[in-house]
Amino acid sequence: MFVLAIDTSTPAVTVGVVELTAVVERTVAARVTVDARRHAELVSPQISSCLAAADLTPADIDAVVVGVGPGPFTGLRVGMATGAAFADALSIPAYPVCSLDAIAVELGHCDALVVTDARRREVYWARYSGGRRIEGPAVGAPRSVDPGPAEVVAGSASHVDLFDLPVEPLESPAPLGLVRAARAELLAGTPPQPLVPLYLRRPDAKPVVTSS
């Protein structure tokens, strides 16, 4: 099967097409652009570019995998809305994946801490053991995050050095990591859970209330 993977939970706008079978996992095409202000204008052209590079049409895609965060409100909803619309238009399933899980799966089965930029001098974080998430996702100041038995840290380049751990150079979810995080459900054809964003806190923008 061919799976379209999308993630906009970090400053990276990530799109890719992955071929997945019981014995094959390979990225057919990928486009990653780091620009926290251009998620909306980049994600759709990157989908078209990936399909063209893979010599595929939208009808060739069997499923969509979408990173659902945690991530900032505006960027995250762009990728999720695009993935949901693409899947709905083709009547194919869209699988949600915790974006931190997609980074962690690339680390194998080591004990790991994954952190991404939550702004406001905070990080989104989760801890993993044996490839499984054991705590999080949560948001907080880096000093409040207990690495526990983590052997390595991965994620935001601006934050990983705040932890006294060896750094793995994985800053954002990759298409293959997103698909691997949903591999069991994809291969089994399990009906997906709803795409629910992991905002973990209210958006930065708030409506202005005026008195009448």
N, C-alpha and C. Protein backbone atom coordinates (compact mmCIF):
# COMPACT_ATOMS: atom_id res chain seq x y z
N MET A 1 0.85 -1.19 0.00
CA MET A 1 0.00 0.00 0.00
C MET A 1 0.88 1.25 0.00
N PHE A 2 0.31 2.35 -0.49
CA PHE A 2 0.99 3.64 -0.46
C PHE A 2 0.29 4.53 0.56
N VAL A 3 1.10 5.12 1.45
CA VAL A 3 0.56 5.92 2.54
C VAL A 3 1.10 7.34 2.43
N LEU A 4 0.20 8.31 2.48
CA LEU A 4 0.59 9.71 2.53
C LEU A 4 0.77 10.11 3.98
N ALA A 5 1.95 10.63 4.33
CA ALA A 5 2.25 11.04 5.70
C ALA A 5 2.41 12.55 5.76
N ILE A 6 1.78 13.17 6.76
CA ILE A 6 1.80 14.63 6.91
C ILE A 6 2.04 14.98 8.37
N ASP A 7 2.93 15.94 8.61
CA ASP A 7 3.10 16.45 9.97
C ASP A 7 3.48 17.93 9.92
N THR A 8 2.75 18.74 10.69
CA THR A 8 3.06 20.16 10.82
C THR A 8 3.07 20.56 12.29
N SER A 9 3.50 19.65 13.15
CA SER A 9 3.50 19.91 14.59
C SER A 9 4.72 20.69 15.05
N THR A 10 5.74 20.81 14.20
CA THR A 10 6.97 21.51 14.52
C THR A 10 7.20 22.58 13.45
N PRO A 11 8.28 23.34 13.51
CA PRO A 11 8.55 24.29 12.43
C PRO A 11 8.74 23.63 11.07
N ALA A 12 8.96 22.32 11.03
CA ALA A 12 9.12 21.61 9.77
C ALA A 12 7.77 21.24 9.18
N VAL A 13 7.59 21.56 7.90
CA VAL A 13 6.40 21.11 7.15
C VAL A 13 6.82 19.83 6.45
N THR A 14 6.30 18.71 6.94
CA THR A 14 6.76 17.39 6.49
C THR A 14 5.66 16.65 5.74
N VAL A 15 5.98 16.22 4.52
CA VAL A 15 5.06 15.43 3.71
C VAL A 15 5.87 14.32 3.04
N GLY A 16 5.28 13.14 2.94
CA GLY A 16 5.96 12.06 2.25
C GLY A 16 5.00 10.98 1.81
N VAL A 17 5.45 10.18 0.87
CA VAL A 17 4.71 8.99 0.45
C VAL A 17 5.57 7.79 0.81
N VAL A 18 4.98 6.87 1.54
CA VAL A 18 5.70 5.68 2.02
C VAL A 18 5.02 4.43 1.48
N GLU A 19 5.82 3.52 0.95
CA GLU A 19 5.29 2.21 0.56
C GLU A 19 5.40 1.28 1.75
N LEU A 20 4.28 0.65 2.11
CA LEU A 20 4.24 -0.21 3.29
C LEU A 20 3.59 -1.54 2.95
N THR A 21 4.31 -2.62 3.23
CA THR A 21 3.75 -3.97 3.18
C THR A 21 4.25 -4.70 4.42
N ALA A 22 3.92 -5.97 4.54
CA ALA A 22 4.38 -6.74 5.68
C ALA A 22 5.90 -6.87 5.71
N VAL A 23 6.55 -6.71 4.56
CA VAL A 23 8.01 -6.88 4.49
C VAL A 23 8.74 -5.64 3.98
N VAL A 24 8.00 -4.63 3.52
CA VAL A 24 8.62 -3.45 2.93
C VAL A 24 8.20 -2.19 3.68
N GLU A 25 9.17 -1.36 4.01
CA GLU A 25 8.93 -0.02 4.55
C GLU A 25 9.92 0.91 3.85
N ARG A 26 9.45 1.71 2.92
CA ARG A 26 10.40 2.60 2.25
C ARG A 26 9.73 3.92 1.88
N THR A 27 10.50 4.97 2.01
CA THR A 27 10.03 6.30 1.62
C THR A 27 10.18 6.45 0.11
N VAL A 28 9.08 6.64 -0.58
CA VAL A 28 9.09 6.80 -2.03
C VAL A 28 9.42 8.23 -2.41
N ALA A 29 8.90 9.18 -1.65
CA ALA A 29 9.17 10.60 -1.90
C ALA A 29 8.93 11.36 -0.61
N ALA A 30 9.70 12.41 -0.39
CA ALA A 30 9.53 13.22 0.81
C ALA A 30 9.89 14.67 0.52
N ARG A 31 9.18 15.56 1.17
CA ARG A 31 9.47 16.98 1.10
C ARG A 31 9.39 17.54 2.51
N VAL A 32 10.46 18.18 2.96
CA VAL A 32 10.51 18.77 4.30
C VAL A 32 11.05 20.19 4.17
N THR A 33 10.26 21.15 4.63
CA THR A 33 10.67 22.54 4.60
C THR A 33 10.52 23.11 6.01
N VAL A 34 11.60 23.67 6.54
CA VAL A 34 11.55 24.24 7.89
C VAL A 34 11.19 25.72 7.77
N ASP A 35 9.95 26.02 8.13
CA ASP A 35 9.47 27.41 8.09
C ASP A 35 8.18 27.46 8.91
N ALA A 36 8.30 27.92 10.14
CA ALA A 36 7.17 27.89 11.07
C ALA A 36 6.03 28.81 10.66
N ARG A 37 6.25 29.72 9.71
CA ARG A 37 5.23 30.69 9.33
C ARG A 37 4.53 30.35 8.02
N ARG A 38 4.91 29.23 7.37
CA ARG A 38 4.37 28.98 6.03
C ARG A 38 3.72 27.59 5.91
N HIS A 39 3.26 27.03 7.02
CA HIS A 39 2.63 25.72 6.95
C HIS A 39 1.50 25.69 5.93
N ALA A 40 0.64 26.70 5.99
CA ALA A 40 -0.56 26.69 5.14
C ALA A 40 -0.24 26.74 3.66
N GLU A 41 0.78 27.52 3.29
CA GLU A 41 1.08 27.66 1.87
C GLU A 41 1.99 26.57 1.33
N LEU A 42 2.62 25.79 2.21
CA LEU A 42 3.57 24.79 1.76
C LEU A 42 3.01 23.37 1.69
N VAL A 43 2.08 23.03 2.59
CA VAL A 43 1.73 21.61 2.72
C VAL A 43 1.07 21.05 1.47
N SER A 44 0.14 21.75 0.86
CA SER A 44 -0.52 21.21 -0.34
C SER A 44 0.42 21.09 -1.53
N PRO A 45 1.25 22.12 -1.82
CA PRO A 45 2.22 21.95 -2.91
C PRO A 45 3.21 20.81 -2.65
N GLN A 46 3.56 20.59 -1.40
CA GLN A 46 4.47 19.49 -1.10
C GLN A 46 3.80 18.13 -1.34
N ILE A 47 2.51 18.03 -1.09
CA ILE A 47 1.78 16.80 -1.41
C ILE A 47 1.82 16.55 -2.91
N SER A 48 1.52 17.59 -3.69
CA SER A 48 1.55 17.45 -5.15
C SER A 48 2.94 17.07 -5.64
N SER A 49 3.96 17.67 -5.05
CA SER A 49 5.34 17.38 -5.44
C SER A 49 5.73 15.95 -5.13
N CYS A 50 5.31 15.46 -3.97
CA CYS A 50 5.62 14.07 -3.60
C CYS A 50 4.93 13.09 -4.53
N LEU A 51 3.67 13.33 -4.84
CA LEU A 51 2.95 12.44 -5.74
C LEU A 51 3.61 12.42 -7.12
N ALA A 52 4.01 13.58 -7.60
CA ALA A 52 4.66 13.65 -8.91
C ALA A 52 6.00 12.91 -8.89
N ALA A 53 6.77 13.10 -7.82
CA ALA A 53 8.07 12.44 -7.72
C ALA A 53 7.94 10.92 -7.63
N ALA A 54 6.85 10.47 -7.02
CA ALA A 54 6.60 9.04 -6.87
C ALA A 54 5.88 8.45 -8.08
N ASP A 55 5.52 9.32 -9.06
CA ASP A 55 4.77 8.90 -10.24
C ASP A 55 3.44 8.26 -9.83
N LEU A 56 2.76 8.91 -8.88
CA LEU A 56 1.48 8.43 -8.38
C LEU A 56 0.43 9.52 -8.54
N THR A 57 -0.83 9.11 -8.52
CA THR A 57 -1.94 10.05 -8.48
C THR A 57 -2.60 9.93 -7.11
N PRO A 58 -3.43 10.89 -6.72
CA PRO A 58 -4.13 10.75 -5.43
C PRO A 58 -4.88 9.43 -5.30
N ALA A 59 -5.41 8.92 -6.41
CA ALA A 59 -6.17 7.66 -6.36
C ALA A 59 -5.30 6.46 -6.00
N ASP A 60 -3.98 6.60 -6.11
CA ASP A 60 -3.07 5.50 -5.76
C ASP A 60 -2.79 5.42 -4.27
N ILE A 61 -3.17 6.43 -3.52
CA ILE A 61 -2.92 6.46 -2.08
C ILE A 61 -3.99 5.65 -1.36
N ASP A 62 -3.54 4.75 -0.48
CA ASP A 62 -4.46 3.85 0.22
C ASP A 62 -4.86 4.34 1.61
N ALA A 63 -4.03 5.19 2.21
CA ALA A 63 -4.32 5.68 3.55
C ALA A 63 -3.49 6.93 3.80
N VAL A 64 -3.91 7.68 4.81
CA VAL A 64 -3.19 8.87 5.23
C VAL A 64 -2.82 8.71 6.70
N VAL A 65 -1.61 9.14 7.05
CA VAL A 65 -1.19 9.20 8.45
C VAL A 65 -0.87 10.65 8.77
N VAL A 66 -1.42 11.15 9.85
CA VAL A 66 -1.27 12.56 10.20
C VAL A 66 -0.72 12.70 11.61
N GLY A 67 0.33 13.49 11.75
CA GLY A 67 0.82 13.83 13.09
C GLY A 67 -0.16 14.77 13.77
N VAL A 68 -0.64 14.39 14.96
CA VAL A 68 -1.65 15.19 15.66
C VAL A 68 -1.06 15.95 16.85
N GLY A 69 0.26 16.10 16.85
CA GLY A 69 0.90 16.87 17.89
C GLY A 69 1.42 15.99 19.02
N PRO A 70 1.76 16.65 20.11
CA PRO A 70 1.44 18.04 20.45
C PRO A 70 2.20 19.04 19.59
N GLY A 71 1.55 20.21 19.43
CA GLY A 71 2.14 21.26 18.62
C GLY A 71 1.36 22.54 18.77
N PRO A 72 1.95 23.66 18.33
CA PRO A 72 1.25 24.94 18.38
C PRO A 72 -0.04 24.90 17.56
N PHE A 73 -1.03 25.65 17.99
CA PHE A 73 -2.38 25.58 17.45
C PHE A 73 -2.44 25.79 15.95
N THR A 74 -1.90 26.89 15.46
CA THR A 74 -2.08 27.25 14.05
C THR A 74 -1.42 26.26 13.12
N GLY A 75 -0.12 25.98 13.33
CA GLY A 75 0.58 25.06 12.45
C GLY A 75 0.00 23.67 12.46
N LEU A 76 -0.33 23.19 13.64
CA LEU A 76 -0.82 21.82 13.77
C LEU A 76 -2.13 21.63 13.02
N ARG A 77 -3.03 22.57 13.13
CA ARG A 77 -4.34 22.38 12.50
C ARG A 77 -4.25 22.39 10.98
N VAL A 78 -3.22 23.06 10.42
CA VAL A 78 -3.06 23.09 8.96
C VAL A 78 -2.83 21.67 8.43
N GLY A 79 -1.88 20.96 9.00
CA GLY A 79 -1.60 19.60 8.53
C GLY A 79 -2.75 18.66 8.77
N MET A 80 -3.40 18.79 9.92
CA MET A 80 -4.51 17.90 10.23
C MET A 80 -5.70 18.14 9.31
N ALA A 81 -6.02 19.40 9.05
CA ALA A 81 -7.14 19.70 8.16
C ALA A 81 -6.86 19.23 6.74
N THR A 82 -5.61 19.40 6.31
CA THR A 82 -5.24 18.96 4.96
C THR A 82 -5.32 17.45 4.84
N GLY A 83 -4.78 16.74 5.82
CA GLY A 83 -4.83 15.28 5.79
C GLY A 83 -6.24 14.75 5.84
N ALA A 84 -7.07 15.36 6.68
CA ALA A 84 -8.47 14.93 6.78
C ALA A 84 -9.21 15.17 5.48
N ALA A 85 -8.98 16.32 4.85
CA ALA A 85 -9.66 16.65 3.60
C ALA A 85 -9.23 15.70 2.48
N PHE A 86 -7.93 15.40 2.41
CA PHE A 86 -7.41 14.49 1.39
C PHE A 86 -8.05 13.12 1.55
N ALA A 87 -8.08 12.61 2.78
CA ALA A 87 -8.66 11.28 3.03
C ALA A 87 -10.15 11.26 2.74
N ASP A 88 -10.84 12.31 3.14
CA ASP A 88 -12.29 12.37 2.92
C ASP A 88 -12.62 12.41 1.44
N ALA A 89 -11.84 13.16 0.67
CA ALA A 89 -12.10 13.28 -0.76
C ALA A 89 -11.94 11.95 -1.48
N LEU A 90 -11.04 11.09 -0.98
CA LEU A 90 -10.78 9.81 -1.62
C LEU A 90 -11.44 8.63 -0.91
N SER A 91 -12.16 8.94 0.17
CA SER A 91 -12.82 7.88 0.96
C SER A 91 -11.82 6.83 1.44
N ILE A 92 -10.68 7.31 1.95
CA ILE A 92 -9.66 6.42 2.51
C ILE A 92 -9.46 6.79 3.97
N PRO A 93 -8.93 5.88 4.78
CA PRO A 93 -8.78 6.17 6.21
C PRO A 93 -7.64 7.14 6.49
N ALA A 94 -7.80 7.94 7.54
CA ALA A 94 -6.76 8.84 8.03
C ALA A 94 -6.44 8.47 9.47
N TYR A 95 -5.19 8.08 9.71
CA TYR A 95 -4.78 7.59 11.03
C TYR A 95 -4.02 8.68 11.80
N PRO A 96 -4.43 8.94 13.05
CA PRO A 96 -3.70 9.90 13.87
C PRO A 96 -2.48 9.26 14.51
N VAL A 97 -1.40 10.02 14.62
CA VAL A 97 -0.18 9.56 15.27
C VAL A 97 0.34 10.68 16.16
N CYS A 98 0.66 10.37 17.39
CA CYS A 98 1.34 11.34 18.24
C CYS A 98 2.68 11.67 17.58
N SER A 99 2.93 12.94 17.33
CA SER A 99 4.13 13.33 16.60
C SER A 99 5.41 12.96 17.36
N LEU A 100 5.37 12.98 18.67
CA LEU A 100 6.53 12.57 19.46
C LEU A 100 6.80 11.08 19.27
N ASP A 101 5.74 10.29 19.13
CA ASP A 101 5.91 8.84 18.88
C ASP A 101 6.62 8.61 17.56
N ALA A 102 6.32 9.46 16.57
CA ALA A 102 6.93 9.29 15.25
C ALA A 102 8.43 9.55 15.29
N ILE A 103 8.86 10.43 16.18
CA ILE A 103 10.30 10.63 16.37
C ILE A 103 10.89 9.46 17.14
N ALA A 104 10.21 9.04 18.19
CA ALA A 104 10.73 7.98 19.05
C ALA A 104 10.88 6.66 18.31
N VAL A 105 9.98 6.35 17.39
CA VAL A 105 10.05 5.06 16.70
C VAL A 105 11.32 4.93 15.88
N GLU A 106 11.88 6.07 15.47
CA GLU A 106 13.13 6.05 14.71
C GLU A 106 14.34 5.76 15.61
N LEU A 107 14.14 5.83 16.92
CA LEU A 107 15.24 5.60 17.86
C LEU A 107 15.38 4.13 18.24
N GLY A 108 14.47 3.30 17.75
CA GLY A 108 14.53 1.88 18.09
C GLY A 108 13.94 1.62 19.46
N HIS A 109 14.55 0.69 20.18
CA HIS A 109 13.97 0.25 21.46
C HIS A 109 14.73 0.77 22.67
N CYS A 110 15.49 1.85 22.49
CA CYS A 110 16.21 2.40 23.64
C CYS A 110 15.27 3.24 24.50
N ASP A 111 15.68 3.49 25.74
CA ASP A 111 14.93 4.40 26.61
C ASP A 111 15.26 5.82 26.18
N ALA A 112 14.25 6.62 25.90
CA ALA A 112 14.49 7.92 25.28
C ALA A 112 13.54 8.98 25.81
N LEU A 113 14.02 10.22 25.72
CA LEU A 113 13.21 11.40 25.97
C LEU A 113 13.11 12.16 24.65
N VAL A 114 11.89 12.54 24.27
CA VAL A 114 11.67 13.32 23.04
C VAL A 114 11.06 14.65 23.43
N VAL A 115 11.64 15.74 22.94
CA VAL A 115 11.15 17.08 23.26
C VAL A 115 11.02 17.90 21.97
N THR A 116 9.95 18.69 21.89
CA THR A 116 9.80 19.62 20.78
C THR A 116 9.42 20.99 21.34
N ASP A 117 9.58 22.02 20.52
CA ASP A 117 9.39 23.40 20.96
C ASP A 117 7.91 23.71 21.17
N ALA A 118 7.58 24.11 22.39
CA ALA A 118 6.20 24.50 22.70
C ALA A 118 6.06 26.02 22.82
N ARG A 119 7.17 26.73 22.54
CA ARG A 119 7.19 28.19 22.69
C ARG A 119 6.99 28.54 24.18
N ARG A 120 6.91 29.83 24.47
CA ARG A 120 6.78 30.30 25.85
C ARG A 120 7.85 29.71 26.77
N ARG A 121 9.02 29.40 26.22
CA ARG A 121 10.12 28.79 26.96
C ARG A 121 9.73 27.43 27.56
N GLU A 122 8.88 26.72 26.86
CA GLU A 122 8.44 25.40 27.30
C GLU A 122 8.68 24.37 26.20
N VAL A 123 8.55 23.11 26.56
CA VAL A 123 8.69 22.02 25.60
C VAL A 123 7.51 21.07 25.73
N TYR A 124 7.16 20.46 24.60
CA TYR A 124 6.31 19.28 24.62
C TYR A 124 7.25 18.09 24.82
N TRP A 125 6.86 17.12 25.63
CA TRP A 125 7.78 16.03 25.90
C TRP A 125 7.04 14.72 26.16
N ALA A 126 7.77 13.63 25.95
CA ALA A 126 7.28 12.29 26.30
C ALA A 126 8.49 11.40 26.52
N ARG A 127 8.33 10.40 27.39
CA ARG A 127 9.41 9.43 27.65
C ARG A 127 9.01 8.07 27.11
N TYR A 128 10.03 7.33 26.67
CA TYR A 128 9.82 6.04 26.02
C TYR A 128 10.75 4.99 26.62
N SER A 129 10.26 3.78 26.69
CA SER A 129 11.06 2.65 27.15
C SER A 129 10.76 1.46 26.26
N GLY A 130 11.81 0.88 25.71
CA GLY A 130 11.61 -0.26 24.83
C GLY A 130 10.78 0.06 23.62
N GLY A 131 10.81 1.33 23.18
CA GLY A 131 10.04 1.73 22.02
C GLY A 131 8.60 2.10 22.32
N ARG A 132 8.19 2.03 23.58
CA ARG A 132 6.81 2.34 23.98
C ARG A 132 6.78 3.62 24.81
N ARG A 133 5.76 4.43 24.58
CA ARG A 133 5.60 5.64 25.39
C ARG A 133 5.14 5.27 26.78
N ILE A 134 5.86 5.74 27.80
CA ILE A 134 5.52 5.40 29.19
C ILE A 134 5.08 6.62 29.98
N GLU A 135 5.33 7.82 29.45
CA GLU A 135 4.89 9.04 30.12
C GLU A 135 4.75 10.16 29.11
N GLY A 136 3.69 10.98 29.28
CA GLY A 136 3.43 12.05 28.33
C GLY A 136 2.43 11.60 27.27
N PRO A 137 2.16 12.47 26.30
CA PRO A 137 2.79 13.77 26.10
C PRO A 137 2.31 14.80 27.12
N ALA A 138 3.21 15.74 27.42
CA ALA A 138 2.92 16.80 28.36
C ALA A 138 3.66 18.04 27.90
N VAL A 139 3.38 19.15 28.57
CA VAL A 139 4.05 20.41 28.25
C VAL A 139 4.53 21.05 29.53
N GLY A 140 5.72 21.66 29.48
CA GLY A 140 6.24 22.32 30.66
C GLY A 140 7.61 22.90 30.40
N ALA A 141 8.12 23.62 31.40
CA ALA A 141 9.46 24.18 31.31
C ALA A 141 10.48 23.05 31.28
N PRO A 142 11.56 23.16 30.51
CA PRO A 142 12.55 22.09 30.44
C PRO A 142 13.06 21.65 31.81
N ARG A 143 13.24 22.60 32.73
CA ARG A 143 13.77 22.25 34.05
C ARG A 143 12.81 21.37 34.85
N SER A 144 11.53 21.37 34.45
CA SER A 144 10.54 20.56 35.17
C SER A 144 10.41 19.15 34.61
N VAL A 145 11.09 18.88 33.50
CA VAL A 145 10.98 17.58 32.84
C VAL A 145 12.00 16.61 33.43
N ASP A 146 11.52 15.52 33.97
CA ASP A 146 12.39 14.49 34.53
C ASP A 146 12.74 13.48 33.44
N PRO A 147 14.01 13.40 33.03
CA PRO A 147 14.38 12.44 31.99
C PRO A 147 14.25 10.99 32.43
N GLY A 148 14.18 10.76 33.75
CA GLY A 148 14.07 9.40 34.25
C GLY A 148 15.23 8.54 33.78
N PRO A 149 14.96 7.32 33.34
CA PRO A 149 16.04 6.43 32.90
C PRO A 149 16.43 6.59 31.43
N ALA A 150 16.01 7.70 30.82
CA ALA A 150 16.30 7.90 29.39
C ALA A 150 17.79 7.83 29.12
N GLU A 151 18.14 7.16 28.03
CA GLU A 151 19.54 7.01 27.61
C GLU A 151 19.94 8.06 26.58
N VAL A 152 18.95 8.58 25.83
CA VAL A 152 19.20 9.58 24.80
C VAL A 152 18.05 10.57 24.78
N VAL A 153 18.29 11.72 24.15
CA VAL A 153 17.24 12.71 23.93
C VAL A 153 17.23 13.07 22.46
N ALA A 154 16.04 13.33 21.93
CA ALA A 154 15.89 13.72 20.53
C ALA A 154 14.81 14.78 20.44
N GLY A 155 14.84 15.54 19.34
CA GLY A 155 13.82 16.55 19.11
C GLY A 155 14.41 17.91 18.81
N SER A 156 13.77 18.95 19.31
CA SER A 156 14.13 20.33 18.99
C SER A 156 15.60 20.62 19.28
N ALA A 157 16.30 21.08 18.25
CA ALA A 157 17.73 21.38 18.40
C ALA A 157 17.96 22.49 19.41
N SER A 158 16.98 23.34 19.63
CA SER A 158 17.12 24.43 20.59
C SER A 158 16.93 23.99 22.03
N HIS A 159 16.51 22.74 22.23
CA HIS A 159 16.18 22.30 23.59
C HIS A 159 16.88 21.02 24.03
N VAL A 160 17.33 20.19 23.10
CA VAL A 160 17.91 18.90 23.51
C VAL A 160 19.17 19.08 24.35
N ASP A 161 19.92 20.17 24.12
CA ASP A 161 21.15 20.38 24.88
C ASP A 161 20.89 20.81 26.31
N LEU A 162 19.63 21.07 26.65
CA LEU A 162 19.29 21.43 28.02
C LEU A 162 19.24 20.20 28.94
N PHE A 163 19.37 19.03 28.34
CA PHE A 163 19.32 17.79 29.11
C PHE A 163 20.67 17.10 29.04
N ASP A 164 21.09 16.55 30.15
CA ASP A 164 22.41 15.92 30.24
C ASP A 164 22.33 14.49 29.70
N LEU A 165 22.07 14.41 28.38
CA LEU A 165 21.92 13.11 27.73
C LEU A 165 22.55 13.17 26.34
N PRO A 166 23.02 12.03 25.82
CA PRO A 166 23.47 12.01 24.42
C PRO A 166 22.33 12.40 23.49
N VAL A 167 22.65 13.18 22.47
CA VAL A 167 21.63 13.70 21.56
C VAL A 167 21.58 12.89 20.28
N GLU A 168 20.39 12.46 19.91
CA GLU A 168 20.16 11.83 18.61
C GLU A 168 19.65 12.91 17.66
N PRO A 169 20.21 13.01 16.45
CA PRO A 169 19.87 14.11 15.53
C PRO A 169 18.56 13.90 14.79
N LEU A 170 17.47 13.82 15.53
CA LEU A 170 16.14 13.69 14.95
C LEU A 170 15.30 14.84 15.49
N GLU A 171 15.11 15.88 14.68
CA GLU A 171 14.48 17.10 15.17
C GLU A 171 12.97 17.13 14.99
N SER A 172 12.45 16.41 14.02
CA SER A 172 11.02 16.44 13.72
C SER A 172 10.59 15.09 13.14
N PRO A 173 9.29 14.82 13.14
CA PRO A 173 8.82 13.54 12.58
C PRO A 173 9.16 13.42 11.10
N ALA A 174 9.61 12.25 10.70
CA ALA A 174 9.86 11.94 9.29
C ALA A 174 8.68 11.12 8.74
N PRO A 175 8.45 11.16 7.43
CA PRO A 175 7.34 10.36 6.88
C PRO A 175 7.40 8.90 7.28
N LEU A 176 8.58 8.29 7.22
CA LEU A 176 8.68 6.87 7.57
C LEU A 176 8.37 6.65 9.04
N GLY A 177 8.82 7.56 9.91
CA GLY A 177 8.51 7.43 11.33
C GLY A 177 7.02 7.54 11.60
N LEU A 178 6.34 8.44 10.91
CA LEU A 178 4.90 8.58 11.08
C LEU A 178 4.18 7.29 10.69
N VAL A 179 4.60 6.71 9.57
CA VAL A 179 3.95 5.48 9.10
C VAL A 179 4.29 4.31 10.02
N ARG A 180 5.54 4.23 10.46
CA ARG A 180 5.92 3.15 11.37
C ARG A 180 5.12 3.21 12.68
N ALA A 181 4.82 4.42 13.14
CA ALA A 181 4.05 4.56 14.38
C ALA A 181 2.63 4.03 14.24
N ALA A 182 2.12 3.98 13.01
CA ALA A 182 0.76 3.46 12.76
C ALA A 182 0.79 2.14 12.01
N ARG A 183 1.95 1.50 11.94
CA ARG A 183 2.14 0.33 11.09
C ARG A 183 1.14 -0.79 11.37
N ALA A 184 0.97 -1.14 12.63
CA ALA A 184 0.09 -2.26 12.97
C ALA A 184 -1.33 -2.01 12.51
N GLU A 185 -1.84 -0.80 12.75
CA GLU A 185 -3.20 -0.47 12.35
C GLU A 185 -3.35 -0.43 10.84
N LEU A 186 -2.35 0.11 10.16
CA LEU A 186 -2.40 0.19 8.70
C LEU A 186 -2.47 -1.19 8.07
N LEU A 187 -1.57 -2.08 8.50
CA LEU A 187 -1.51 -3.41 7.90
C LEU A 187 -2.73 -4.25 8.25
N ALA A 188 -3.28 -4.02 9.43
CA ALA A 188 -4.47 -4.78 9.85
C ALA A 188 -5.75 -4.21 9.27
N GLY A 189 -5.67 -2.99 8.74
CA GLY A 189 -6.88 -2.35 8.23
C GLY A 189 -7.83 -1.94 9.33
N THR A 190 -7.28 -1.70 10.53
CA THR A 190 -8.11 -1.30 11.67
C THR A 190 -8.75 0.06 11.42
N PRO A 191 -10.04 0.21 11.68
CA PRO A 191 -10.65 1.54 11.52
C PRO A 191 -9.92 2.55 12.40
N PRO A 192 -9.56 3.71 11.85
CA PRO A 192 -8.77 4.67 12.63
C PRO A 192 -9.58 5.39 13.69
N GLN A 193 -8.88 5.84 14.71
CA GLN A 193 -9.49 6.73 15.69
C GLN A 193 -9.68 8.10 15.06
N PRO A 194 -10.56 8.93 15.60
CA PRO A 194 -10.74 10.28 15.05
C PRO A 194 -9.45 11.09 15.15
N LEU A 195 -9.29 12.04 14.24
CA LEU A 195 -8.14 12.94 14.27
C LEU A 195 -8.41 14.03 15.31
N VAL A 196 -7.84 13.85 16.48
CA VAL A 196 -8.03 14.80 17.58
C VAL A 196 -6.68 15.46 17.89
N PRO A 197 -6.58 16.76 17.77
CA PRO A 197 -5.28 17.43 17.99
C PRO A 197 -4.87 17.40 19.46
N LEU A 198 -3.57 17.23 19.68
CA LEU A 198 -3.00 17.28 21.02
C LEU A 198 -2.43 18.69 21.24
N TYR A 199 -3.30 19.63 21.56
CA TYR A 199 -2.83 20.99 21.80
C TYR A 199 -2.18 21.13 23.17
N LEU A 200 -2.71 20.43 24.16
CA LEU A 200 -2.23 20.42 25.55
C LEU A 200 -2.40 21.74 26.29
N ARG A 201 -2.71 22.81 25.57
CA ARG A 201 -3.01 24.09 26.23
C ARG A 201 -3.80 24.93 25.25
N ARG A 202 -4.34 26.02 25.72
CA ARG A 202 -5.16 26.89 24.89
C ARG A 202 -4.30 27.62 23.86
N PRO A 203 -4.89 28.02 22.72
CA PRO A 203 -4.11 28.76 21.72
C PRO A 203 -3.62 30.09 22.26
N ASP A 204 -2.51 30.61 21.66
CA ASP A 204 -1.95 31.88 22.09
C ASP A 204 -2.93 33.03 21.85
N ALA A 205 -3.63 32.99 20.73
CA ALA A 205 -4.56 34.07 20.40
C ALA A 205 -5.87 33.90 21.18
N LYS A 206 -6.34 34.98 21.76
CA LYS A 206 -7.58 34.93 22.51
C LYS A 206 -8.52 36.03 22.00
N PRO A 207 -9.83 35.72 21.97
CA PRO A 207 -10.77 36.76 21.51
C PRO A 207 -10.80 37.94 22.47
N VAL A 208 -10.99 39.12 21.92
CA VAL A 208 -11.11 40.32 22.74
C VAL A 208 -12.56 40.50 23.11
N VAL A 209 -12.82 40.57 24.41
CA VAL A 209 -14.18 40.75 24.91
C VAL A 209 -14.39 42.20 25.25
N THR A 210 -15.38 42.81 24.64
CA THR A 210 -15.67 44.22 24.93
C THR A 210 -17.00 44.31 25.65
N SER A 211 -17.10 45.25 26.51
CA SER A 211 -18.36 45.45 27.22
C SER A 211 -19.32 46.22 26.35
N SER A 212 -20.59 45.91 26.46
CA SER A 212 -21.61 46.60 25.65
C SER A 212 -22.11 47.83 26.37
